[in-house]
């Protein structure tokens, strides 16, 4: 079974940050995790840039996927989006970027001192 990461960058609609965060934390991530193959989710907030330009997104979500057929897994996610199975909050800015990457090897970890 192949291992993937789905990287999603998004922003709340200005003035609706609380609603966006509530929906994302208390509804959306669990809805995505109900899709077969999605096994882990974590959210991040932008704090600093290592390049000349800051990203256009404040929020980052990383979903771990284990799938034999990533096309079918992503297809199930996209067909559920906007339905009662995976509702989309109006507090989510519609300018969203999402990408799927396949793992090229095992994760590495720093040895304890």
N, C-alpha and C. Protein backbone atom coordinates (compact mmCIF):
# COMPACT_ATOMS: atom_id res chain seq x y z
N UNK A 1 0.85 -1.18 0.00
CA UNK A 1 0.00 0.00 0.00
C UNK A 1 0.90 1.24 0.00
N UNK A 2 0.61 2.17 -0.87
CA UNK A 2 1.41 3.39 -0.95
C UNK A 2 0.94 4.42 0.07
N UNK A 3 1.87 5.27 0.46
CA UNK A 3 1.61 6.30 1.46
C UNK A 3 1.72 7.67 0.80
N UNK A 4 0.75 8.54 1.09
CA UNK A 4 0.66 9.86 0.47
C UNK A 4 0.42 10.92 1.53
N UNK A 5 0.64 12.17 1.13
CA UNK A 5 0.24 13.32 1.92
C UNK A 5 -0.58 14.24 1.02
N UNK A 6 -1.71 14.64 1.51
CA UNK A 6 -2.54 15.65 0.84
C UNK A 6 -2.29 16.95 1.58
N UNK A 7 -1.76 17.94 0.87
CA UNK A 7 -1.42 19.24 1.43
C UNK A 7 -2.49 20.23 0.99
N UNK A 8 -3.15 20.86 1.94
CA UNK A 8 -4.21 21.82 1.64
C UNK A 8 -3.88 23.15 2.27
N UNK A 9 -3.85 24.19 1.44
CA UNK A 9 -3.58 25.55 1.92
C UNK A 9 -4.85 26.38 1.72
N UNK A 10 -5.25 27.10 2.77
CA UNK A 10 -6.50 27.84 2.70
C UNK A 10 -6.47 29.04 3.63
N UNK A 11 -7.52 29.84 3.52
CA UNK A 11 -7.72 31.01 4.37
C UNK A 11 -9.18 31.08 4.78
N UNK A 12 -9.45 31.66 5.93
CA UNK A 12 -10.84 31.97 6.28
C UNK A 12 -11.28 33.23 5.53
N UNK A 13 -12.57 33.38 5.36
CA UNK A 13 -13.13 34.63 4.87
C UNK A 13 -12.83 35.69 5.93
N UNK A 14 -12.33 36.87 5.54
CA UNK A 14 -12.03 37.89 6.54
C UNK A 14 -13.22 38.16 7.47
N UNK A 15 -12.93 38.21 8.77
CA UNK A 15 -13.96 38.45 9.77
C UNK A 15 -14.68 37.19 10.22
N UNK A 16 -14.39 36.04 9.60
CA UNK A 16 -15.08 34.80 9.95
C UNK A 16 -14.10 33.73 10.44
N UNK A 17 -12.98 34.17 11.00
CA UNK A 17 -11.93 33.26 11.43
C UNK A 17 -12.41 32.26 12.47
N UNK A 18 -13.18 32.72 13.46
CA UNK A 18 -13.67 31.80 14.50
C UNK A 18 -14.57 30.73 13.91
N UNK A 19 -15.47 31.12 13.03
CA UNK A 19 -16.38 30.16 12.39
C UNK A 19 -15.58 29.15 11.55
N UNK A 20 -14.60 29.64 10.81
CA UNK A 20 -13.73 28.79 9.98
C UNK A 20 -13.00 27.77 10.86
N UNK A 21 -12.36 28.25 11.94
CA UNK A 21 -11.61 27.35 12.82
C UNK A 21 -12.50 26.33 13.50
N UNK A 22 -13.70 26.76 13.92
CA UNK A 22 -14.63 25.83 14.55
C UNK A 22 -15.05 24.74 13.57
N UNK A 23 -15.40 25.14 12.35
CA UNK A 23 -15.80 24.17 11.32
C UNK A 23 -14.64 23.22 11.01
N UNK A 24 -13.45 23.77 10.80
CA UNK A 24 -12.31 22.93 10.42
C UNK A 24 -11.97 21.94 11.53
N UNK A 25 -11.86 22.44 12.77
CA UNK A 25 -11.44 21.59 13.89
C UNK A 25 -12.51 20.61 14.35
N UNK A 26 -13.77 21.02 14.32
CA UNK A 26 -14.84 20.22 14.91
C UNK A 26 -15.73 19.51 13.91
N UNK A 27 -15.48 19.71 12.62
CA UNK A 27 -16.30 19.04 11.63
C UNK A 27 -15.48 18.52 10.46
N UNK A 28 -14.78 19.43 9.77
CA UNK A 28 -14.19 19.10 8.49
C UNK A 28 -13.13 18.00 8.56
N UNK A 29 -12.20 18.10 9.50
CA UNK A 29 -11.14 17.09 9.55
C UNK A 29 -11.72 15.69 9.81
N UNK A 30 -12.72 15.60 10.67
CA UNK A 30 -13.35 14.29 10.91
C UNK A 30 -14.10 13.80 9.67
N UNK A 31 -14.73 14.73 8.95
CA UNK A 31 -15.41 14.34 7.71
C UNK A 31 -14.42 13.79 6.70
N UNK A 32 -13.28 14.45 6.55
CA UNK A 32 -12.26 13.97 5.62
C UNK A 32 -11.75 12.61 6.08
N UNK A 33 -11.52 12.45 7.37
CA UNK A 33 -11.02 11.17 7.88
C UNK A 33 -12.03 10.03 7.73
N UNK A 34 -13.29 10.36 7.46
CA UNK A 34 -14.28 9.31 7.21
C UNK A 34 -14.14 8.72 5.80
N UNK A 35 -13.37 9.38 4.94
CA UNK A 35 -13.13 8.88 3.58
C UNK A 35 -12.11 7.75 3.67
N UNK A 36 -12.43 6.56 3.13
CA UNK A 36 -11.47 5.45 3.20
C UNK A 36 -10.11 5.84 2.61
N UNK A 37 -9.06 5.50 3.36
CA UNK A 37 -7.70 5.81 2.94
C UNK A 37 -7.10 6.97 3.71
N UNK A 38 -7.91 7.92 4.13
CA UNK A 38 -7.42 9.04 4.92
C UNK A 38 -7.26 8.56 6.36
N UNK A 39 -6.03 8.63 6.88
CA UNK A 39 -5.76 8.02 8.18
C UNK A 39 -5.30 8.99 9.26
N UNK A 40 -4.86 10.20 8.88
CA UNK A 40 -4.37 11.16 9.87
C UNK A 40 -4.53 12.56 9.32
N UNK A 41 -4.81 13.52 10.20
CA UNK A 41 -4.96 14.91 9.78
C UNK A 41 -4.38 15.82 10.85
N UNK A 42 -3.76 16.90 10.39
CA UNK A 42 -3.23 17.89 11.32
C UNK A 42 -3.26 19.25 10.65
N UNK A 43 -3.57 20.28 11.45
CA UNK A 43 -3.61 21.66 10.95
C UNK A 43 -2.43 22.46 11.48
N UNK A 44 -2.06 23.47 10.68
CA UNK A 44 -0.96 24.35 11.03
C UNK A 44 -1.34 25.78 10.68
N UNK A 45 -0.72 26.75 11.38
CA UNK A 45 -0.90 28.18 11.09
C UNK A 45 0.44 28.76 10.69
N UNK A 46 0.43 29.64 9.72
CA UNK A 46 1.64 30.31 9.24
C UNK A 46 2.25 31.17 10.34
N UNK A 47 3.58 31.06 10.51
CA UNK A 47 4.28 31.89 11.50
C UNK A 47 5.50 32.61 10.95
N UNK A 48 6.17 32.07 9.93
CA UNK A 48 7.38 32.71 9.42
C UNK A 48 7.69 32.21 8.02
N UNK A 49 8.40 33.04 7.25
CA UNK A 49 8.80 32.67 5.90
C UNK A 49 10.30 32.47 5.82
N UNK A 50 10.72 31.43 5.13
CA UNK A 50 12.13 31.19 4.88
C UNK A 50 12.52 31.64 3.48
N UNK A 51 11.57 32.16 2.74
CA UNK A 51 11.84 32.66 1.40
C UNK A 51 11.50 34.15 1.35
N UNK A 52 11.73 34.75 0.21
CA UNK A 52 11.54 36.20 0.07
C UNK A 52 10.08 36.61 0.17
N UNK A 53 9.17 35.71 -0.16
CA UNK A 53 7.74 36.06 -0.18
C UNK A 53 6.96 35.17 0.76
N UNK A 54 6.11 35.76 1.58
CA UNK A 54 5.26 34.94 2.45
C UNK A 54 4.21 34.21 1.60
N UNK A 55 3.70 33.10 2.10
CA UNK A 55 2.67 32.39 1.34
C UNK A 55 1.38 33.21 1.30
N UNK A 56 0.54 32.91 0.35
CA UNK A 56 -0.75 33.59 0.27
C UNK A 56 -1.79 32.95 1.17
N UNK A 57 -1.37 31.99 1.97
CA UNK A 57 -2.31 31.26 2.81
C UNK A 57 -1.86 31.30 4.27
N UNK A 58 -2.81 31.47 5.16
CA UNK A 58 -2.53 31.46 6.61
C UNK A 58 -2.57 30.05 7.18
N UNK A 59 -3.33 29.18 6.53
CA UNK A 59 -3.63 27.87 7.12
C UNK A 59 -3.14 26.74 6.22
N UNK A 60 -2.63 25.70 6.85
CA UNK A 60 -2.14 24.51 6.16
C UNK A 60 -2.71 23.29 6.87
N UNK A 61 -3.22 22.37 6.09
CA UNK A 61 -3.66 21.08 6.63
C UNK A 61 -2.90 19.99 5.90
N UNK A 62 -2.46 19.00 6.64
CA UNK A 62 -1.77 17.86 6.04
C UNK A 62 -2.54 16.60 6.42
N UNK A 63 -2.96 15.88 5.39
CA UNK A 63 -3.70 14.63 5.57
C UNK A 63 -2.81 13.48 5.11
N UNK A 64 -2.68 12.46 5.93
CA UNK A 64 -1.95 11.26 5.54
C UNK A 64 -2.94 10.28 4.92
N UNK A 65 -2.52 9.70 3.81
CA UNK A 65 -3.38 8.77 3.07
C UNK A 65 -2.61 7.48 2.84
N UNK A 66 -3.23 6.35 3.10
CA UNK A 66 -2.72 5.03 2.71
C UNK A 66 -3.71 4.48 1.70
N UNK A 67 -3.23 4.22 0.49
CA UNK A 67 -4.17 3.81 -0.56
C UNK A 67 -3.49 2.93 -1.61
N UNK A 68 -4.22 1.96 -2.08
CA UNK A 68 -3.79 1.14 -3.22
C UNK A 68 -4.13 1.83 -4.53
N UNK A 69 -5.12 2.73 -4.50
CA UNK A 69 -5.58 3.44 -5.71
C UNK A 69 -5.85 4.89 -5.35
N UNK A 70 -4.81 5.73 -5.42
CA UNK A 70 -4.96 7.12 -4.99
C UNK A 70 -5.98 7.86 -5.84
N UNK A 71 -6.11 7.52 -7.10
CA UNK A 71 -7.11 8.17 -7.94
C UNK A 71 -8.52 7.95 -7.41
N UNK A 72 -8.82 6.71 -7.02
CA UNK A 72 -10.14 6.40 -6.46
C UNK A 72 -10.34 7.08 -5.11
N UNK A 73 -9.30 7.12 -4.29
CA UNK A 73 -9.40 7.76 -2.98
C UNK A 73 -9.68 9.25 -3.12
N UNK A 74 -8.93 9.92 -3.99
CA UNK A 74 -9.14 11.36 -4.21
C UNK A 74 -10.49 11.57 -4.90
N UNK A 75 -10.88 10.68 -5.79
CA UNK A 75 -12.19 10.78 -6.43
C UNK A 75 -13.33 10.72 -5.43
N UNK A 76 -13.20 9.84 -4.44
CA UNK A 76 -14.24 9.76 -3.41
C UNK A 76 -14.30 11.05 -2.59
N UNK A 77 -13.14 11.61 -2.28
CA UNK A 77 -13.10 12.88 -1.55
C UNK A 77 -13.76 13.99 -2.36
N UNK A 78 -13.39 14.14 -3.60
CA UNK A 78 -13.93 15.24 -4.40
C UNK A 78 -15.41 15.06 -4.70
N UNK A 79 -15.88 13.82 -4.85
CA UNK A 79 -17.31 13.63 -5.09
C UNK A 79 -18.14 13.90 -3.83
N UNK A 80 -17.53 13.73 -2.65
CA UNK A 80 -18.24 14.00 -1.40
C UNK A 80 -18.24 15.49 -1.05
N UNK A 81 -17.26 16.24 -1.57
CA UNK A 81 -17.13 17.67 -1.22
C UNK A 81 -18.38 18.44 -1.59
N UNK A 82 -18.87 19.21 -0.63
CA UNK A 82 -20.06 20.03 -0.85
C UNK A 82 -21.37 19.30 -0.62
N UNK A 83 -21.31 18.02 -0.25
CA UNK A 83 -22.51 17.26 0.06
C UNK A 83 -22.69 17.20 1.58
N UNK A 84 -23.76 16.57 2.02
CA UNK A 84 -23.96 16.42 3.47
C UNK A 84 -22.88 15.56 4.10
N UNK A 85 -22.21 14.75 3.30
CA UNK A 85 -21.12 13.91 3.81
C UNK A 85 -19.86 14.73 4.09
N UNK A 86 -19.65 15.80 3.32
CA UNK A 86 -18.47 16.64 3.46
C UNK A 86 -18.85 18.09 3.15
N UNK A 87 -19.66 18.70 4.02
CA UNK A 87 -20.10 20.07 3.76
C UNK A 87 -18.93 21.05 3.84
N UNK A 88 -19.03 22.10 3.05
CA UNK A 88 -18.01 23.14 3.01
C UNK A 88 -18.58 24.39 3.65
N UNK A 89 -17.85 24.94 4.61
CA UNK A 89 -18.30 26.13 5.33
C UNK A 89 -18.21 27.37 4.44
N UNK A 90 -19.17 28.25 4.59
CA UNK A 90 -19.11 29.54 3.90
C UNK A 90 -18.02 30.44 4.48
N UNK A 91 -17.44 30.06 5.61
CA UNK A 91 -16.34 30.81 6.21
C UNK A 91 -15.00 30.46 5.56
N UNK A 92 -14.99 29.47 4.67
CA UNK A 92 -13.78 29.09 3.93
C UNK A 92 -13.68 29.94 2.68
N UNK A 93 -12.59 30.68 2.53
CA UNK A 93 -12.34 31.42 1.28
C UNK A 93 -12.23 30.39 0.15
N UNK A 94 -12.83 30.69 -0.99
CA UNK A 94 -12.87 29.72 -2.08
C UNK A 94 -11.54 29.54 -2.78
N UNK A 95 -10.56 30.41 -2.53
CA UNK A 95 -9.22 30.25 -3.10
C UNK A 95 -8.45 29.26 -2.23
N UNK A 96 -8.47 28.00 -2.63
CA UNK A 96 -7.82 26.92 -1.88
C UNK A 96 -6.85 26.22 -2.83
N UNK A 97 -5.69 25.84 -2.32
CA UNK A 97 -4.75 25.03 -3.10
C UNK A 97 -4.58 23.69 -2.41
N UNK A 98 -4.64 22.62 -3.19
CA UNK A 98 -4.49 21.28 -2.63
C UNK A 98 -3.64 20.43 -3.58
N UNK A 99 -2.75 19.65 -2.99
CA UNK A 99 -1.84 18.81 -3.75
C UNK A 99 -1.67 17.48 -3.04
N UNK A 100 -1.40 16.43 -3.82
CA UNK A 100 -1.14 15.12 -3.23
C UNK A 100 0.27 14.70 -3.63
N UNK A 101 1.04 14.26 -2.64
CA UNK A 101 2.40 13.80 -2.84
C UNK A 101 2.51 12.35 -2.36
N UNK A 102 3.27 11.53 -3.11
CA UNK A 102 3.52 10.15 -2.71
C UNK A 102 4.84 10.10 -1.94
N UNK A 103 4.90 9.35 -0.86
CA UNK A 103 6.13 9.19 -0.10
C UNK A 103 7.18 8.50 -0.96
N UNK A 104 8.41 8.98 -0.90
CA UNK A 104 9.51 8.41 -1.68
C UNK A 104 10.41 7.53 -0.81
N UNK A 105 10.08 7.40 0.41
CA UNK A 105 10.86 6.57 1.32
C UNK A 105 10.31 6.75 2.72
N UNK A 106 10.87 6.04 3.66
CA UNK A 106 10.37 6.14 5.03
C UNK A 106 10.73 7.49 5.65
N UNK A 107 9.95 7.88 6.63
CA UNK A 107 10.25 9.09 7.38
C UNK A 107 11.52 8.86 8.19
N UNK A 108 12.29 9.92 8.35
CA UNK A 108 13.50 9.84 9.17
C UNK A 108 13.27 10.59 10.46
N UNK A 109 13.98 10.17 11.47
CA UNK A 109 13.83 10.79 12.77
C UNK A 109 15.21 10.97 13.39
N UNK A 110 15.39 12.07 14.04
CA UNK A 110 16.65 12.35 14.72
C UNK A 110 16.77 11.42 15.92
N UNK A 111 17.93 10.83 16.07
CA UNK A 111 18.16 9.95 17.21
C UNK A 111 18.21 10.77 18.49
N UNK A 112 17.75 10.19 19.56
CA UNK A 112 17.79 10.87 20.87
C UNK A 112 19.25 10.98 21.31
N UNK A 113 19.60 12.07 21.99
CA UNK A 113 20.99 12.25 22.45
C UNK A 113 21.38 11.25 23.51
